[in-house]
Structure formats: structure tokens, C-alpha cells
Amino acid sequence: LNVGPSTVETLSWENVGTADTLLPSGHQINKSEL
């Protein structure tokens, strides 16, 4: 999903329950792997 240290603040437990958007539009994700 290409989310790492730069987005660490948005990746908290509480954020999943409160944020309207976890992965914003325009964000580039990496290639899929199993």
C-alpha cells in the first residue's frame, strides 16, 4: 500500500476508528504480491 514512516501518524489504532480517509486519493500503491 506504500504506507510507511512518513504516514506513521495516520496509521495508529485509534485512527482506523476515527478518520474518514486512511488512504487518500492520488496515493500511489506498489505492485501486488501474494
Full PDB file with SEQRES, HELIX, SHEET, SSBOND, CRYST1, ORIGX, SCALE, CONECT and MASTER records, all heavy atoms in Angstrom:
SEQRES   1 A   34  LEU ASN VAL GLY PRO SER THR VAL GLU THR LEU SER TRP          
SEQRES   2 A   34  GLU ASN VAL GLY THR ALA ASP THR LEU LEU PRO SER GLY          
SEQRES   3 A   34  HIS GLN ILE ASN LYS SER GLU LEU                              
HELIX    1 AA1 PRO A    5  LEU A   11  5                                   7    
HELIX    2 AA2 TRP A   13  THR A   18  1                                   6    
CRYST1    1.000    1.000    1.000  90.00  90.00  90.00 P 1           1          
ORIGX1      1.000000  0.000000  0.000000        0.00000                         
ORIGX2      0.000000  1.000000  0.000000        0.00000                         
ORIGX3      0.000000  0.000000  1.000000        0.00000                         
SCALE1      1.000000  0.000000  0.000000        0.00000                         
SCALE2      0.000000  1.000000  0.000000        0.00000                         
SCALE3      0.000000  0.000000  1.000000        0.00000                         
ATOM      1  N   LEU A   1       0.823  -1.218   0.000  1.00  0.00           N  
ATOM      2  CA  LEU A   1       0.000   0.000   0.000  1.00  0.00           C  
ATOM      3  C   LEU A   1       0.855   1.265   0.000  1.00  0.00           C  
ATOM      4  O   LEU A   1       0.323   2.377  -0.086  1.00  0.00           O  
ATOM      5  CB  LEU A   1      -0.941  -0.004   1.204  1.00  0.00           C  
ATOM      6  CG  LEU A   1      -1.985  -1.132   1.228  1.00  0.00           C  
ATOM      7  CD1 LEU A   1      -2.741  -1.134   2.551  1.00  0.00           C  
ATOM      8  CD2 LEU A   1      -2.961  -1.000   0.059  1.00  0.00           C  
ATOM      9  N   ASN A   2       2.199   1.066   0.148  1.00  0.00           N  
ATOM     10  CA  ASN A   2       3.137   2.192   0.126  1.00  0.00           C  
ATOM     11  C   ASN A   2       2.865   3.178   1.259  1.00  0.00           C  
ATOM     12  O   ASN A   2       2.867   4.400   1.067  1.00  0.00           O  
ATOM     13  CB  ASN A   2       3.094   2.903  -1.238  1.00  0.00           C  
ATOM     14  CG  ASN A   2       4.281   3.829  -1.438  1.00  0.00           C  
ATOM     15  OD1 ASN A   2       5.313   3.676  -0.807  1.00  0.00           O  
ATOM     16  ND2 ASN A   2       4.116   4.808  -2.322  1.00  0.00           N  
ATOM     17  N   VAL A   3       2.596   2.634   2.429  1.00  0.00           N  
ATOM     18  CA  VAL A   3       2.449   3.476   3.625  1.00  0.00           C  
ATOM     19  C   VAL A   3       3.565   3.082   4.586  1.00  0.00           C  
ATOM     20  O   VAL A   3       3.767   1.917   4.879  1.00  0.00           O  
ATOM     21  CB  VAL A   3       1.063   3.313   4.288  1.00  0.00           C  
ATOM     22  CG1 VAL A   3      -0.014   3.889   3.409  1.00  0.00           C  
ATOM     23  CG2 VAL A   3       0.756   1.863   4.623  1.00  0.00           C  
ATOM     24  N   GLY A   4       4.323   4.065   5.033  1.00  0.00           N  
ATOM     25  CA  GLY A   4       5.465   3.761   5.885  1.00  0.00           C  
ATOM     26  C   GLY A   4       5.681   4.835   6.918  1.00  0.00           C  
ATOM     27  O   GLY A   4       4.727   5.478   7.368  1.00  0.00           O  
ATOM     28  N   PRO A   5       6.944   5.062   7.304  1.00  0.00           N  
ATOM     29  CA  PRO A   5       7.268   6.016   8.373  1.00  0.00           C  
ATOM     30  C   PRO A   5       6.692   7.414   8.147  1.00  0.00           C  
ATOM     31  O   PRO A   5       6.295   8.078   9.099  1.00  0.00           O  
ATOM     32  CB  PRO A   5       8.799   6.049   8.358  1.00  0.00           C  
ATOM     33  CG  PRO A   5       9.202   4.721   7.789  1.00  0.00           C  
ATOM     34  CD  PRO A   5       8.139   4.373   6.802  1.00  0.00           C  
ATOM     35  N   SER A   6       6.619   7.849   6.881  1.00  0.00           N  
ATOM     36  CA  SER A   6       6.118   9.209   6.612  1.00  0.00           C  
ATOM     37  C   SER A   6       4.644   9.353   6.936  1.00  0.00           C  
ATOM     38  O   SER A   6       4.147  10.457   7.178  1.00  0.00           O  
ATOM     39  CB  SER A   6       6.360   9.584   5.146  1.00  0.00           C  
ATOM     40  OG  SER A   6       5.667   8.681   4.293  1.00  0.00           O  
ATOM     41  N   THR A   7       3.917   8.217   6.923  1.00  0.00           N  
ATOM     42  CA  THR A   7       2.478   8.275   7.223  1.00  0.00           C  
ATOM     43  C   THR A   7       2.163   7.587   8.550  1.00  0.00           C  
ATOM     44  O   THR A   7       1.035   7.196   8.795  1.00  0.00           O  
ATOM     45  CB  THR A   7       1.675   7.589   6.099  1.00  0.00           C  
ATOM     46  OG1 THR A   7       2.230   6.283   5.860  1.00  0.00           O  
ATOM     47  CG2 THR A   7       1.715   8.378   4.819  1.00  0.00           C  
ATOM     48  N   VAL A   8       3.201   7.461   9.399  1.00  0.00           N  
ATOM     49  CA  VAL A   8       3.029   6.682  10.624  1.00  0.00           C  
ATOM     50  C   VAL A   8       1.954   7.270  11.547  1.00  0.00           C  
ATOM     51  O   VAL A   8       1.258   6.543  12.248  1.00  0.00           O  
ATOM     52  CB  VAL A   8       4.391   6.535  11.365  1.00  0.00           C  
ATOM     53  CG1 VAL A   8       4.842   7.843  12.001  1.00  0.00           C  
ATOM     54  CG2 VAL A   8       4.336   5.425  12.387  1.00  0.00           C  
ATOM     55  N   GLU A   9       1.801   8.605  11.533  1.00  0.00           N  
ATOM     56  CA  GLU A   9       0.797   9.226  12.411  1.00  0.00           C  
ATOM     57  C   GLU A   9      -0.616   8.782  12.033  1.00  0.00           C  
ATOM     58  O   GLU A   9      -1.491   8.647  12.884  1.00  0.00           O  
ATOM     59  CB  GLU A   9       0.880  10.762  12.341  1.00  0.00           C  
ATOM     60  CG  GLU A   9       2.141  11.365  12.930  1.00  0.00           C  
ATOM     61  CD  GLU A   9       3.330  11.283  11.986  1.00  0.00           C  
ATOM     62  OE1 GLU A   9       3.135  10.953  10.798  1.00  0.00           O  
ATOM     63  OE2 GLU A   9       4.463  11.528  12.449  1.00  0.00           O  
ATOM     64  N   THR A  10      -0.829   8.577  10.738  1.00  0.00           N  
ATOM     65  CA  THR A  10      -2.177   8.197  10.297  1.00  0.00           C  
ATOM     66  C   THR A  10      -2.433   6.700  10.470  1.00  0.00           C  
ATOM     67  O   THR A  10      -3.541   6.244  10.273  1.00  0.00           O  
ATOM     68  CB  THR A  10      -2.385   8.562   8.815  1.00  0.00           C  
ATOM     69  OG1 THR A  10      -1.478   7.791   8.018  1.00  0.00           O  
ATOM     70  CG2 THR A  10      -2.147  10.035   8.574  1.00  0.00           C  
ATOM     71  N   LEU A  11      -1.363   5.951  10.817  1.00  0.00           N  
ATOM     72  CA  LEU A  11      -1.511   4.503  10.908  1.00  0.00           C  
ATOM     73  C   LEU A  11      -1.684   4.018  12.349  1.00  0.00           C  
ATOM     74  O   LEU A  11      -1.292   2.914  12.686  1.00  0.00           O  
ATOM     75  CB  LEU A  11      -0.289   3.810  10.282  1.00  0.00           C  
ATOM     76  CG  LEU A  11      -0.092   4.043   8.784  1.00  0.00           C  
ATOM     77  CD1 LEU A  11       1.143   3.321   8.290  1.00  0.00           C  
ATOM     78  CD2 LEU A  11      -1.301   3.581   7.994  1.00  0.00           C  
ATOM     79  N   SER A  12      -2.258   4.826  13.186  1.00  0.00           N  
ATOM     80  CA  SER A  12      -2.478   4.417  14.579  1.00  0.00           C  
ATOM     81  C   SER A  12      -3.775   3.616  14.693  1.00  0.00           C  
ATOM     82  O   SER A  12      -4.644   3.664  13.819  1.00  0.00           O  
ATOM     83  CB  SER A  12      -2.553   5.644  15.490  1.00  0.00           C  
ATOM     84  OG  SER A  12      -3.785   6.320  15.286  1.00  0.00           O  
ATOM     85  N   TRP A  13      -3.877   2.874  15.778  1.00  0.00           N  
ATOM     86  CA  TRP A  13      -5.079   2.068  16.073  1.00  0.00           C  
ATOM     87  C   TRP A  13      -6.319   2.956  16.105  1.00  0.00           C  
ATOM     88  O   TRP A  13      -7.345   2.642  15.480  1.00  0.00           O  
ATOM     89  CB  TRP A  13      -4.865   1.378  17.411  1.00  0.00           C  
ATOM     90  CG  TRP A  13      -5.886   0.351  17.779  1.00  0.00           C  
ATOM     91  CD1 TRP A  13      -7.069   0.546  18.427  1.00  0.00           C  
ATOM     92  CD2 TRP A  13      -5.802  -1.059  17.534  1.00  0.00           C  
ATOM     93  NE1 TRP A  13      -7.730  -0.638  18.602  1.00  0.00           N  
ATOM     94  CE2 TRP A  13      -6.972  -1.649  18.071  1.00  0.00           C  
ATOM     95  CE3 TRP A  13      -4.861  -1.882  16.922  1.00  0.00           C  
ATOM     96  CZ2 TRP A  13      -7.208  -3.015  18.007  1.00  0.00           C  
ATOM     97  CZ3 TRP A  13      -5.095  -3.248  16.866  1.00  0.00           C  
ATOM     98  CH2 TRP A  13      -6.265  -3.801  17.406  1.00  0.00           C  
ATOM     99  N   GLU A  14      -6.215   4.079  16.827  1.00  0.00           N  
ATOM    100  CA  GLU A  14      -7.370   4.965  17.007  1.00  0.00           C  
ATOM    101  C   GLU A  14      -7.803   5.573  15.674  1.00  0.00           C  
ATOM    102  O   GLU A  14      -8.992   5.805  15.446  1.00  0.00           O  
ATOM    103  CB  GLU A  14      -7.028   6.091  18.004  1.00  0.00           C  
ATOM    104  CG  GLU A  14      -6.676   5.604  19.403  1.00  0.00           C  
ATOM    105  CD  GLU A  14      -7.792   4.802  20.066  1.00  0.00           C  
ATOM    106  OE1 GLU A  14      -8.974   5.025  19.740  1.00  0.00           O  
ATOM    107  OE2 GLU A  14      -7.478   3.930  20.902  1.00  0.00           O  
ATOM    108  N   ASN A  15      -6.846   5.838  14.800  1.00  0.00           N  
ATOM    109  CA  ASN A  15      -7.146   6.499  13.534  1.00  0.00           C  
ATOM    110  C   ASN A  15      -8.099   5.681  12.665  1.00  0.00           C  
ATOM    111  O   ASN A  15      -8.925   6.234  11.938  1.00  0.00           O  
ATOM    112  CB  ASN A  15      -5.840   6.774  12.774  1.00  0.00           C  
ATOM    113  CG  ASN A  15      -5.981   7.968  11.852  1.00  0.00           C  
ATOM    114  OD1 ASN A  15      -6.464   9.015  12.256  1.00  0.00           O  
ATOM    115  ND2 ASN A  15      -5.585   7.797  10.608  1.00  0.00           N  
ATOM    116  N   VAL A  16      -7.967   4.350  12.743  1.00  0.00           N  
ATOM    117  CA  VAL A  16      -8.863   3.483  11.964  1.00  0.00           C  
ATOM    118  C   VAL A  16     -10.312   3.722  12.377  1.00  0.00           C  
ATOM    119  O   VAL A  16     -11.231   3.655  11.556  1.00  0.00           O  
ATOM    120  CB  VAL A  16      -8.487   1.990  12.142  1.00  0.00           C  
ATOM    121  CG1 VAL A  16      -9.425   1.090  11.332  1.00  0.00           C  
ATOM    122  CG2 VAL A  16      -7.041   1.739  11.724  1.00  0.00           C  
ATOM    123  N   GLY A  17     -10.509   4.022  13.654  1.00  0.00           N  
ATOM    124  CA  GLY A  17     -11.869   4.220  14.166  1.00  0.00           C  
ATOM    125  C   GLY A  17     -12.413   5.623  14.003  1.00  0.00           C  
ATOM    126  O   GLY A  17     -13.612   5.852  14.205  1.00  0.00           O  
ATOM    127  N   THR A  18     -11.528   6.575  13.662  1.00  0.00           N  
ATOM    128  CA  THR A  18     -11.992   7.978  13.620  1.00  0.00           C  
ATOM    129  C   THR A  18     -11.831   8.654  12.256  1.00  0.00           C  
ATOM    130  O   THR A  18     -12.640   9.504  11.890  1.00  0.00           O  
ATOM    131  CB  THR A  18     -11.222   8.816  14.669  1.00  0.00           C  
ATOM    132  OG1 THR A  18      -9.815   8.686  14.426  1.00  0.00           O  
ATOM    133  CG2 THR A  18     -11.540   8.353  16.085  1.00  0.00           C  
ATOM    134  N   ALA A  19     -10.798   8.291  11.510  1.00  0.00           N  
ATOM    135  CA  ALA A  19     -10.517   9.001  10.250  1.00  0.00           C  
ATOM    136  C   ALA A  19     -11.506   8.613   9.157  1.00  0.00           C  
ATOM    137  O   ALA A  19     -11.877   7.452   9.012  1.00  0.00           O  
ATOM    138  CB  ALA A  19      -9.090   8.689   9.789  1.00  0.00           C  
ATOM    139  N   ASP A  20     -11.932   9.609   8.370  1.00  0.00           N  
ATOM    140  CA  ASP A  20     -12.818   9.335   7.234  1.00  0.00           C  
ATOM    141  C   ASP A  20     -12.032   8.713   6.083  1.00  0.00           C  
ATOM    142  O   ASP A  20     -12.582   7.960   5.279  1.00  0.00           O  
ATOM    143  CB  ASP A  20     -13.493  10.633   6.764  1.00  0.00           C  
ATOM    144  CG  ASP A  20     -14.522  11.128   7.779  1.00  0.00           C  
ATOM    145  OD1 ASP A  20     -15.145  10.274   8.452  1.00  0.00           O  
ATOM    146  OD2 ASP A  20     -14.669  12.354   7.914  1.00  0.00           O  
ATOM    147  N   THR A  21     -10.742   9.047   6.001  1.00  0.00           N  
ATOM    148  CA  THR A  21      -9.892   8.516   4.932  1.00  0.00           C  
ATOM    149  C   THR A  21      -8.577   8.015   5.522  1.00  0.00           C  
ATOM    150  O   THR A  21      -7.882   8.765   6.215  1.00  0.00           O  
ATOM    151  CB  THR A  21      -9.589   9.602   3.876  1.00  0.00           C  
ATOM    152  OG1 THR A  21     -10.824  10.073   3.328  1.00  0.00           O  
ATOM    153  CG2 THR A  21      -8.716   9.043   2.761  1.00  0.00           C  
ATOM    154  N   LEU A  22      -8.250   6.764   5.251  1.00  0.00           N  
ATOM    155  CA  LEU A  22      -6.974   6.194   5.687  1.00  0.00           C  
ATOM    156  C   LEU A  22      -5.939   6.238   4.570  1.00  0.00           C  
ATOM    157  O   LEU A  22      -4.751   6.410   4.813  1.00  0.00           O  
ATOM    158  CB  LEU A  22      -7.168   4.743   6.145  1.00  0.00           C  
ATOM    159  CG  LEU A  22      -8.045   4.519   7.375  1.00  0.00           C  
ATOM    160  CD1 LEU A  22      -8.289   3.026   7.596  1.00  0.00           C  
ATOM    161  CD2 LEU A  22      -7.409   5.136   8.618  1.00  0.00           C  
ATOM    162  N   LEU A  23      -6.405   6.065   3.328  1.00  0.00           N  
ATOM    163  CA  LEU A  23      -5.524   6.080   2.159  1.00  0.00           C  
ATOM    164  C   LEU A  23      -6.100   7.101   1.174  1.00  0.00           C  
ATOM    165  O   LEU A  23      -7.140   6.848   0.562  1.00  0.00           O  
ATOM    166  CB  LEU A  23      -5.466   4.672   1.538  1.00  0.00           C  
ATOM    167  CG  LEU A  23      -4.232   4.352   0.684  1.00  0.00           C  
ATOM    168  CD1 LEU A  23      -2.964   4.372   1.539  1.00  0.00           C  
ATOM    169  CD2 LEU A  23      -4.372   2.989   0.024  1.00  0.00           C  
ATOM    170  N   PRO A  24      -5.455   8.244   1.012  1.00  0.00           N  
ATOM    171  CA  PRO A  24      -6.064   9.335   0.234  1.00  0.00           C  
ATOM    172  C   PRO A  24      -6.051   9.091  -1.276  1.00  0.00           C  
ATOM    173  O   PRO A  24      -5.222   8.352  -1.804  1.00  0.00           O  
ATOM    174  CB  PRO A  24      -5.190  10.548   0.590  1.00  0.00           C  
ATOM    175  CG  PRO A  24      -3.862   9.958   0.952  1.00  0.00           C  
ATOM    176  CD  PRO A  24      -4.161   8.633   1.598  1.00  0.00           C  
ATOM    177  N   SER A  25      -6.958   9.740  -1.960  1.00  0.00           N  
ATOM    178  CA  SER A  25      -6.992   9.710  -3.430  1.00  0.00           C  
ATOM    179  C   SER A  25      -5.683  10.274  -3.963  1.00  0.00           C  
ATOM    180  O   SER A  25      -5.101  11.192  -3.379  1.00  0.00           O  
ATOM    181  CB  SER A  25      -8.151  10.561  -3.952  1.00  0.00           C  
ATOM    182  OG  SER A  25      -9.367  10.083  -3.435  1.00  0.00           O  
ATOM    183  N   GLY A  26      -5.228   9.696  -5.073  1.00  0.00           N  
ATOM    184  CA  GLY A  26      -3.984  10.161  -5.680  1.00  0.00           C  
ATOM    185  C   GLY A  26      -2.748   9.457  -5.136  1.00  0.00           C  
ATOM    186  O   GLY A  26      -1.650   9.619  -5.670  1.00  0.00           O  
ATOM    187  N   HIS A  27      -2.900   8.668  -4.073  1.00  0.00           N  
ATOM    188  CA  HIS A  27      -1.764   7.951  -3.478  1.00  0.00           C  
ATOM    189  C   HIS A  27      -1.379   6.765  -4.362  1.00  0.00           C  
ATOM    190  O   HIS A  27      -2.231   6.010  -4.823  1.00  0.00           O  
ATOM    191  CB  HIS A  27      -2.157   7.464  -2.076  1.00  0.00           C  
ATOM    192  CG  HIS A  27      -1.089   6.653  -1.392  1.00  0.00           C  
ATOM    193  ND1 HIS A  27      -0.064   7.234  -0.699  1.00  0.00           N  
ATOM    194  CD2 HIS A  27      -0.892   5.303  -1.314  1.00  0.00           C  
ATOM    195  CE1 HIS A  27       0.716   6.290  -0.207  1.00  0.00           C  
ATOM    196  NE2 HIS A  27       0.235   5.107  -0.565  1.00  0.00           N  
ATOM    197  N   GLN A  28      -0.093   6.606  -4.618  1.00  0.00           N  
ATOM    198  CA  GLN A  28       0.409   5.519  -5.465  1.00  0.00           C  
ATOM    199  C   GLN A  28       0.716   4.293  -4.603  1.00  0.00           C  
ATOM    200  O   GLN A  28       1.484   4.377  -3.652  1.00  0.00           O  
ATOM    201  CB  GLN A  28       1.681   5.964  -6.184  1.00  0.00           C  
ATOM    202  CG  GLN A  28       2.358   4.884  -7.013  1.00  0.00           C  
ATOM    203  CD  GLN A  28       1.643   4.604  -8.325  1.00  0.00           C  
ATOM    204  OE1 GLN A  28       1.398   5.517  -9.111  1.00  0.00           O  
ATOM    205  NE2 GLN A  28       1.298   3.347  -8.568  1.00  0.00           N  
ATOM    206  N   ILE A  29       0.108   3.161  -4.956  1.00  0.00           N  
ATOM    207  CA  ILE A  29       0.441   1.920  -4.253  1.00  0.00           C  
ATOM    208  C   ILE A  29       1.429   1.113  -5.092  1.00  0.00           C  
ATOM    209  O   ILE A  29       1.586   1.338  -6.283  1.00  0.00           O  
ATOM    210  CB  ILE A  29      -0.807   1.072  -3.910  1.00  0.00           C  
ATOM    211  CG1 ILE A  29      -1.441   0.467  -5.175  1.00  0.00           C  
ATOM    212  CG2 ILE A  29      -1.823   1.884  -3.116  1.00  0.00           C  
ATOM    213  CD1 ILE A  29      -2.512  -0.588  -4.880  1.00  0.00           C  
ATOM    214  N   ASN A  30       2.106   0.179  -4.430  1.00  0.00           N  
ATOM    215  CA  ASN A  30       3.097  -0.652  -5.117  1.00  0.00           C  
ATOM    216  C   ASN A  30       2.443  -1.876  -5.750  1.00  0.00           C  
ATOM    217  O   ASN A  30       1.251  -2.132  -5.557  1.00  0.00           O  
ATOM    218  CB  ASN A  30       4.192  -1.076  -4.143  1.00  0.00           C  
ATOM    219  CG  ASN A  30       5.046   0.100  -3.698  1.00  0.00           C  
ATOM    220  OD1 ASN A  30       5.378   0.969  -4.499  1.00  0.00           O  
ATOM    221  ND2 ASN A  30       5.388   0.140  -2.414  1.00  0.00           N  
ATOM    222  N   LYS A  31       3.257  -2.621  -6.476  1.00  0.00           N  
ATOM    223  CA  LYS A  31       2.760  -3.828  -7.143  1.00  0.00           C  
ATOM    224  C   LYS A  31       2.230  -4.837  -6.131  1.00  0.00           C  
ATOM    225  O   LYS A  31       2.750  -4.957  -5.018  1.00  0.00           O  
ATOM    226  CB  LYS A  31       3.870  -4.478  -7.970  1.00  0.00           C  
ATOM    227  CG  LYS A  31       4.218  -3.740  -9.255  1.00  0.00           C  
ATOM    228  CD  LYS A  31       3.135  -3.923 -10.300  1.00  0.00           C  
ATOM    229  CE  LYS A  31       3.510  -3.245 -11.623  1.00  0.00           C  
ATOM    230  NZ  LYS A  31       2.399  -3.309 -12.578  1.00  0.00           N  
ATOM    231  N   SER A  32       1.239  -5.584  -6.557  1.00  0.00           N  
ATOM    232  CA  SER A  32       0.653  -6.613  -5.704  1.00  0.00           C  
ATOM    233  C   SER A  32       1.611  -7.792  -5.549  1.00  0.00           C  
ATOM    234  O   SER A  32       2.391  -8.097  -6.453  1.00  0.00           O  
ATOM    235  CB  SER A  32      -0.661  -7.111  -6.301  1.00  0.00           C  
ATOM    236  OG  SER A  32      -1.197  -8.140  -5.514  1.00  0.00           O  
ATOM    237  N   GLU A  33       1.579  -8.424  -4.387  1.00  0.00           N  
ATOM    238  CA  GLU A  33       2.282  -9.690  -4.168  1.00  0.00           C  
ATOM    239  C   GLU A  33       1.421 -10.546  -3.243  1.00  0.00           C  
ATOM    240  O   GLU A  33       0.643 -10.023  -2.446  1.00  0.00           O  
ATOM    241  CB  GLU A  33       3.676  -9.473  -3.570  1.00  0.00           C  
ATOM    242  CG  GLU A  33       3.684  -8.762  -2.228  1.00  0.00           C  
ATOM    243  CD  GLU A  33       5.090  -8.660  -1.635  1.00  0.00           C  
ATOM    244  OE1 GLU A  33       5.710  -9.715  -1.417  1.00  0.00           O  
ATOM    245  OE2 GLU A  33       5.538  -7.528  -1.364  1.00  0.00           O  
ATOM    246  N   LEU A  34       1.552 -11.855  -3.381  1.00  0.00           N  
ATOM    247  CA  LEU A  34       0.733 -12.742  -2.559  1.00  0.00           C  
ATOM    248  C   LEU A  34       1.196 -12.687  -1.107  1.00  0.00           C  
ATOM    249  O   LEU A  34       2.386 -12.828  -0.824  1.00  0.00           O  
ATOM    250  CB  LEU A  34       0.810 -14.181  -3.083  1.00  0.00           C  
ATOM    251  CG  LEU A  34       0.146 -14.446  -4.443  1.00  0.00           C  
ATOM    252  CD1 LEU A  34       0.347 -15.900  -4.839  1.00  0.00           C  
ATOM    253  CD2 LEU A  34      -1.347 -14.105  -4.400  1.00  0.00           C  
TER     254      LEU A  34                                                      
MASTER        0    0    0    2    0    0    0    6  253    1    0    3          
END                                                                             
